[in-house]
Amino acid sequence: MLTKCGANCNECRVFGSECSGCEENCGKPCWNELIGGEKCPIYKCCENNQFNNCGMCGSLPCKIWYELKDPSMSDAEHIESVNRRVGILKNK
């Protein structure tokens, strides 16, 4: 299951136990409380622009992608994650 940002839910350590995925949770993944939002900003942006995923956007990756960082990742890991997910969405 691919999220709007190109992450694969099946590769997530909490998928199935703590989280049923962005689509199932309407953009409110289990980690959302860490960023203090009602919905994931990436999910919300796709929703507002009526995109199935960020791959439909000409600004991919945008500022939101770089600002929305998993606190458990280093800066280098975050950039690597952004690049990997962008590649997935552009090749979809």
C-alpha atoms as a PDB file:
ATOM      1  CA  MET A   1       0.000   0.000   0.000  1.00  0.00           C
ATOM      2  CA  LEU A   2       1.544   3.269  -1.169  1.00  0.00           C
ATOM      3  CA  THR A   3       0.803   6.525   0.651  1.00  0.00           C
ATOM      4  CA  LYS A   4       0.338   9.951  -0.932  1.00  0.00           C
ATOM      5  CA  CYS A   5       4.007  10.685  -0.186  1.00  0.00           C
ATOM      6  CA  GLY A   6       5.315   7.463  -1.713  1.00  0.00           C
ATOM      7  CA  ALA A   7       5.937   5.562   1.517  1.00  0.00           C
ATOM      8  CA  ASN A   8       5.074   1.875   1.478  1.00  0.00           C
ATOM      9  CA  CYS A   9       2.870   1.030   4.463  1.00  0.00           C
ATOM     10  CA  ASN A  10       3.888  -2.620   4.271  1.00  0.00           C
ATOM     11  CA  GLU A  11       7.483  -1.609   5.069  1.00  0.00           C
ATOM     12  CA  CYS A  12       6.490   0.373   8.178  1.00  0.00           C
ATOM     13  CA  ARG A  13       7.225  -1.172  11.557  1.00  0.00           C
ATOM     14  CA  VAL A  14       3.850  -0.074  13.016  1.00  0.00           C
ATOM     15  CA  PHE A  15       1.600  -0.840  10.052  1.00  0.00           C
ATOM     16  CA  GLY A  16      -1.090  -3.268  11.121  1.00  0.00           C
ATOM     17  CA  SER A  17      -0.427  -2.974  14.843  1.00  0.00           C
ATOM     18  CA  GLU A  18      -0.550   0.768  15.598  1.00  0.00           C
ATOM     19  CA  CYS A  19      -1.531   2.153  12.208  1.00  0.00           C
ATOM     20  CA  SER A  20      -3.803   1.016   9.403  1.00  0.00           C
ATOM     21  CA  GLY A  21      -2.337   3.439   6.852  1.00  0.00           C
ATOM     22  CA  CYS A  22      -2.924   7.009   5.755  1.00  0.00           C
ATOM     23  CA  GLU A  23      -5.865   6.276   3.492  1.00  0.00           C
ATOM     24  CA  GLU A  24      -7.640   4.170   6.087  1.00  0.00           C
ATOM     25  CA  ASN A  25      -6.990   6.820   8.767  1.00  0.00           C
ATOM     26  CA  CYS A  26      -7.927   9.732   6.464  1.00  0.00           C
ATOM     27  CA  GLY A  27      -4.479  11.300   6.684  1.00  0.00           C
ATOM     28  CA  LYS A  28      -4.017  10.801  10.414  1.00  0.00           C
ATOM     29  CA  PRO A  29      -1.191   8.279  10.797  1.00  0.00           C
ATOM     30  CA  CYS A  30      -0.126   7.127  14.256  1.00  0.00           C
ATOM     31  CA  TRP A  31       2.853   9.530  14.274  1.00  0.00           C
ATOM     32  CA  ASN A  32       0.685  12.577  13.574  1.00  0.00           C
ATOM     33  CA  GLU A  33       0.661  13.662  17.231  1.00  0.00           C
ATOM     34  CA  LEU A  34       4.428  14.138  16.955  1.00  0.00           C
ATOM     35  CA  ILE A  35       3.900  17.007  14.523  1.00  0.00           C
ATOM     36  CA  GLY A  36       0.878  18.461  16.305  1.00  0.00           C
ATOM     37  CA  GLY A  37      -1.477  18.358  13.367  1.00  0.00           C
ATOM     38  CA  GLU A  38      -4.936  17.105  12.669  1.00  0.00           C
ATOM     39  CA  LYS A  39      -3.869  15.571   9.369  1.00  0.00           C
ATOM     40  CA  CYS A  40      -0.525  14.933   7.780  1.00  0.00           C
ATOM     41  CA  PRO A  41       0.352  18.127   5.856  1.00  0.00           C
ATOM     42  CA  ILE A  42       1.294  16.119   2.762  1.00  0.00           C
ATOM     43  CA  TYR A  43      -1.978  14.213   2.828  1.00  0.00           C
ATOM     44  CA  LYS A  44      -3.886  17.461   3.360  1.00  0.00           C
ATOM     45  CA  CYS A  45      -2.109  19.145   0.429  1.00  0.00           C
ATOM     46  CA  CYS A  46      -2.956  16.246  -1.906  1.00  0.00           C
ATOM     47  CA  GLU A  47      -6.526  16.335  -0.706  1.00  0.00           C
ATOM     48  CA  ASN A  48      -6.799  20.110  -1.257  1.00  0.00           C
ATOM     49  CA  ASN A  49      -5.357  19.797  -4.769  1.00  0.00           C
ATOM     50  CA  GLN A  50      -7.365  16.664  -5.584  1.00  0.00           C
ATOM     51  CA  PHE A  51      -4.196  14.626  -6.215  1.00  0.00           C
ATOM     52  CA  ASN A  52      -4.106  10.867  -5.672  1.00  0.00           C
ATOM     53  CA  ASN A  53      -0.505  11.328  -4.548  1.00  0.00           C
ATOM     54  CA  CYS A  54       2.326  13.852  -4.712  1.00  0.00           C
ATOM     55  CA  GLY A  55       3.524  12.389  -8.001  1.00  0.00           C
ATOM     56  CA  MET A  56       0.751  14.385  -9.678  1.00  0.00           C
ATOM     57  CA  CYS A  57       2.239  17.684  -8.444  1.00  0.00           C
ATOM     58  CA  GLY A  58       4.684  19.742 -10.500  1.00  0.00           C
ATOM     59  CA  SER A  59       6.384  20.969  -7.306  1.00  0.00           C
ATOM     60  CA  LEU A  60       7.488  17.547  -6.083  1.00  0.00           C
ATOM     61  CA  PRO A  61       9.311  17.583  -3.699  1.00  0.00           C
ATOM     62  CA  CYS A  62       8.055  20.772  -2.101  1.00  0.00           C
ATOM     63  CA  LYS A  63       8.839  22.656   1.089  1.00  0.00           C
ATOM     64  CA  ILE A  64       6.387  20.498   3.057  1.00  0.00           C
ATOM     65  CA  TRP A  65       8.429  17.410   2.245  1.00  0.00           C
ATOM     66  CA  TYR A  66      11.636  18.904   3.582  1.00  0.00           C
ATOM     67  CA  GLU A  67      10.003  20.373   6.686  1.00  0.00           C
ATOM     68  CA  LEU A  68       8.088  17.203   7.621  1.00  0.00           C
ATOM     69  CA  LYS A  69      10.880  15.125   9.129  1.00  0.00           C
ATOM     70  CA  ASP A  70      10.618  11.988  11.209  1.00  0.00           C
ATOM     71  CA  PRO A  71      12.315  13.012  14.476  1.00  0.00           C
ATOM     72  CA  SER A  72      14.026   9.629  14.702  1.00  0.00           C
ATOM     73  CA  MET A  73      15.914  10.263  11.419  1.00  0.00           C
ATOM     74  CA  SER A  74      19.145  12.138  10.918  1.00  0.00           C
ATOM     75  CA  ASP A  75      19.145  14.946   8.356  1.00  0.00           C
ATOM     76  CA  ALA A  76      20.957  12.681   5.879  1.00  0.00           C
ATOM     77  CA  GLU A  77      18.444   9.864   6.401  1.00  0.00           C
ATOM     78  CA  HIS A  78      15.595  12.324   5.893  1.00  0.00           C
ATOM     79  CA  ILE A  79      17.001  13.576   2.568  1.00  0.00           C
ATOM     80  CA  GLU A  80      17.578   9.977   1.471  1.00  0.00           C
ATOM     81  CA  SER A  81      13.970   9.153   2.350  1.00  0.00           C
ATOM     82  CA  VAL A  82      12.673  12.164   0.412  1.00  0.00           C
ATOM     83  CA  ASN A  83      14.739  11.224  -2.650  1.00  0.00           C
ATOM     84  CA  ARG A  84      13.662   7.568  -2.501  1.00  0.00           C
ATOM     85  CA  ARG A  85       9.956   8.414  -2.217  1.00  0.00           C
ATOM     86  CA  VAL A  86      10.154  11.031  -4.975  1.00  0.00           C
ATOM     87  CA  GLY A  87      11.718   8.384  -7.218  1.00  0.00           C
ATOM     88  CA  ILE A  88       8.929   5.958  -6.416  1.00  0.00           C
ATOM     89  CA  LEU A  89       6.224   8.515  -7.220  1.00  0.00           C
ATOM     90  CA  LYS A  90       7.862   9.753 -10.415  1.00  0.00           C
ATOM     91  CA  ASN A  91       8.217   6.192 -11.712  1.00  0.00           C
ATOM     92  CA  LYS A  92       4.701   5.141 -10.765  1.00  0.00           C
END
